[in-house]
Amino acid sequence: MVVPRAGFVIIIGIGTTKINHFFDYNIKVK
């Protein structure tokens, strides 16, 4: 299965964005 570079970048971008929101939530709670 070949994933286009653009699609791969979008998937990585969404993943990192969710991780950043997760860390921001933890920091705000603490």
PDB file of N, CA and C in Angstrom:
ATOM      1  N   MET A   1       0.851  -1.202   0.000  1.00  0.00           N
ATOM      2  CA  MET A   1       0.000   0.000   0.000  1.00  0.00           C
ATOM      3  C   MET A   1       0.886   1.251   0.000  1.00  0.00           C
ATOM      4  N   VAL A   2       0.745   2.052  -1.039  1.00  0.00           N
ATOM      5  CA  VAL A   2       1.568   3.261  -1.162  1.00  0.00           C
ATOM      6  C   VAL A   2       0.752   4.469  -0.738  1.00  0.00           C
ATOM      7  N   VAL A   3       1.278   5.236   0.208  1.00  0.00           N
ATOM      8  CA  VAL A   3       0.579   6.436   0.675  1.00  0.00           C
ATOM      9  C   VAL A   3       1.226   7.667   0.055  1.00  0.00           C
ATOM     10  N   PRO A   4       0.442   8.512  -0.605  1.00  0.00           N
ATOM     11  CA  PRO A   4       1.016   9.739  -1.183  1.00  0.00           C
ATOM     12  C   PRO A   4       1.671  10.584  -0.105  1.00  0.00           C
ATOM     13  N   ARG A   5       2.743  11.300  -0.487  1.00  0.00           N
ATOM     14  CA  ARG A   5       3.468  12.125   0.479  1.00  0.00           C
ATOM     15  C   ARG A   5       2.530  13.137   1.145  1.00  0.00           C
ATOM     16  N   ALA A   6       1.661  13.759   0.360  1.00  0.00           N
ATOM     17  CA  ALA A   6       0.744  14.771   0.918  1.00  0.00           C
ATOM     18  C   ALA A   6      -0.164  14.138   1.968  1.00  0.00           C
ATOM     19  N   GLY A   7      -0.744  12.989   1.649  1.00  0.00           N
ATOM     20  CA  GLY A   7      -1.628  12.309   2.608  1.00  0.00           C
ATOM     21  C   GLY A   7      -0.878  11.935   3.875  1.00  0.00           C
ATOM     22  N   PHE A   8       0.360  11.452   3.709  1.00  0.00           N
ATOM     23  CA  PHE A   8       1.166  11.065   4.870  1.00  0.00           C
ATOM     24  C   PHE A   8       1.431  12.266   5.763  1.00  0.00           C
ATOM     25  N   VAL A   9       1.757  13.403   5.150  1.00  0.00           N
ATOM     26  CA  VAL A   9       2.037  14.628   5.917  1.00  0.00           C
ATOM     27  C   VAL A   9       0.782  15.073   6.671  1.00  0.00           C
ATOM     28  N   ILE A  10      -0.378  14.961   6.020  1.00  0.00           N
ATOM     29  CA  ILE A  10      -1.638  15.366   6.666  1.00  0.00           C
ATOM     30  C   ILE A  10      -1.904  14.472   7.881  1.00  0.00           C
ATOM     31  N   ILE A  11      -1.693  13.155   7.712  1.00  0.00           N
ATOM     32  CA  ILE A  11      -1.922  12.217   8.820  1.00  0.00           C
ATOM     33  C   ILE A  11      -0.987  12.553   9.982  1.00  0.00           C
ATOM     34  N   ILE A  12       0.290  12.796   9.686  1.00  0.00           N
ATOM     35  CA  ILE A  12       1.262  13.145  10.735  1.00  0.00           C
ATOM     36  C   ILE A  12       0.864  14.459  11.400  1.00  0.00           C
ATOM     37  N   GLY A  13       0.425  15.420  10.603  1.00  0.00           N
ATOM     38  CA  GLY A  13       0.027  16.728  11.149  1.00  0.00           C
ATOM     39  C   GLY A  13      -1.149  16.586  12.105  1.00  0.00           C
ATOM     40  N   ILE A  14      -2.153  15.793  11.717  1.00  0.00           N
ATOM     41  CA  ILE A  14      -3.315  15.597  12.600  1.00  0.00           C
ATOM     42  C   ILE A  14      -2.871  14.888  13.883  1.00  0.00           C
ATOM     43  N   GLY A  15      -2.006  13.901  13.758  1.00  0.00           N
ATOM     44  CA  GLY A  15      -1.535  13.158  14.932  1.00  0.00           C
ATOM     45  C   GLY A  15      -0.796  14.062  15.909  1.00  0.00           C
ATOM     46  N   THR A  16       0.118  14.877  15.390  1.00  0.00           N
ATOM     47  CA  THR A  16       0.895  15.759  16.268  1.00  0.00           C
ATOM     48  C   THR A  16      -0.004  16.817  16.890  1.00  0.00           C
ATOM     49  N   THR A  17      -1.014  17.266  16.139  1.00  0.00           N
ATOM     50  CA  THR A  17      -1.941  18.278  16.678  1.00  0.00           C
ATOM     51  C   THR A  17      -2.715  17.699  17.855  1.00  0.00           C
ATOM     52  N   LYS A  18      -3.186  16.449  17.711  1.00  0.00           N
ATOM     53  CA  LYS A  18      -3.939  15.826  18.809  1.00  0.00           C
ATOM     54  C   LYS A  18      -3.035  15.626  20.023  1.00  0.00           C
ATOM     55  N   ILE A  19      -1.776  15.253  19.783  1.00  0.00           N
ATOM     56  CA  ILE A  19      -0.834  15.057  20.892  1.00  0.00           C
ATOM     57  C   ILE A  19      -0.601  16.393  21.611  1.00  0.00           C
ATOM     58  N   ASN A  20      -0.462  17.476  20.840  1.00  0.00           N
ATOM     59  CA  ASN A  20      -0.237  18.797  21.436  1.00  0.00           C
ATOM     60  C   ASN A  20      -1.433  19.210  22.279  1.00  0.00           C
ATOM     61  N   HIS A  21      -2.648  18.969  21.772  1.00  0.00           N
ATOM     62  CA  HIS A  21      -3.849  19.311  22.540  1.00  0.00           C
ATOM     63  C   HIS A  21      -3.900  18.478  23.820  1.00  0.00           C
ATOM     64  N   PHE A  22      -3.477  17.204  23.728  1.00  0.00           N
ATOM     65  CA  PHE A  22      -3.486  16.319  24.892  1.00  0.00           C
ATOM     66  C   PHE A  22      -2.546  16.865  25.969  1.00  0.00           C
ATOM     67  N   PHE A  23      -1.348  17.288  25.573  1.00  0.00           N
ATOM     68  CA  PHE A  23      -0.385  17.830  26.539  1.00  0.00           C
ATOM     69  C   PHE A  23      -0.881  19.160  27.113  1.00  0.00           C
ATOM     70  N   ASP A  24      -1.468  19.999  26.260  1.00  0.00           N
ATOM     71  CA  ASP A  24      -2.002  21.289  26.735  1.00  0.00           C
ATOM     72  C   ASP A  24      -3.082  21.040  27.783  1.00  0.00           C
ATOM     73  N   TYR A  25      -3.916  20.031  27.556  1.00  0.00           N
ATOM     74  CA  TYR A  25      -4.996  19.723  28.505  1.00  0.00           C
ATOM     75  C   TYR A  25      -4.397  19.283  29.839  1.00  0.00           C
ATOM     76  N   ASN A  26      -3.385  18.419  29.787  1.00  0.00           N
ATOM     77  CA  ASN A  26      -2.749  17.950  31.022  1.00  0.00           C
ATOM     78  C   ASN A  26      -2.117  19.110  31.779  1.00  0.00           C
ATOM     79  N   ILE A  27      -1.467  20.022  31.069  1.00  0.00           N
ATOM     80  CA  ILE A  27      -0.808  21.158  31.726  1.00  0.00           C
ATOM     81  C   ILE A  27      -1.854  22.061  32.375  1.00  0.00           C
ATOM     82  N   LYS A  28      -2.971  22.294  31.681  1.00  0.00           N
ATOM     83  CA  LYS A  28      -4.013  23.173  32.233  1.00  0.00           C
ATOM     84  C   LYS A  28      -4.650  22.535  33.464  1.00  0.00           C
ATOM     85  N   VAL A  29      -4.840  21.204  33.435  1.00  0.00           N
ATOM     86  CA  VAL A  29      -5.448  20.520  34.580  1.00  0.00           C
ATOM     87  C   VAL A  29      -4.530  20.616  35.792  1.00  0.00           C
ATOM     88  N   LYS A  30      -3.225  20.442  35.571  1.00  0.00           N
ATOM     89  CA  LYS A  30      -2.273  20.505  36.679  1.00  0.00           C
ATOM     90  C   LYS A  30      -2.033  21.970  37.038  1.00  0.00           C
TER      91      LYS A  30
END
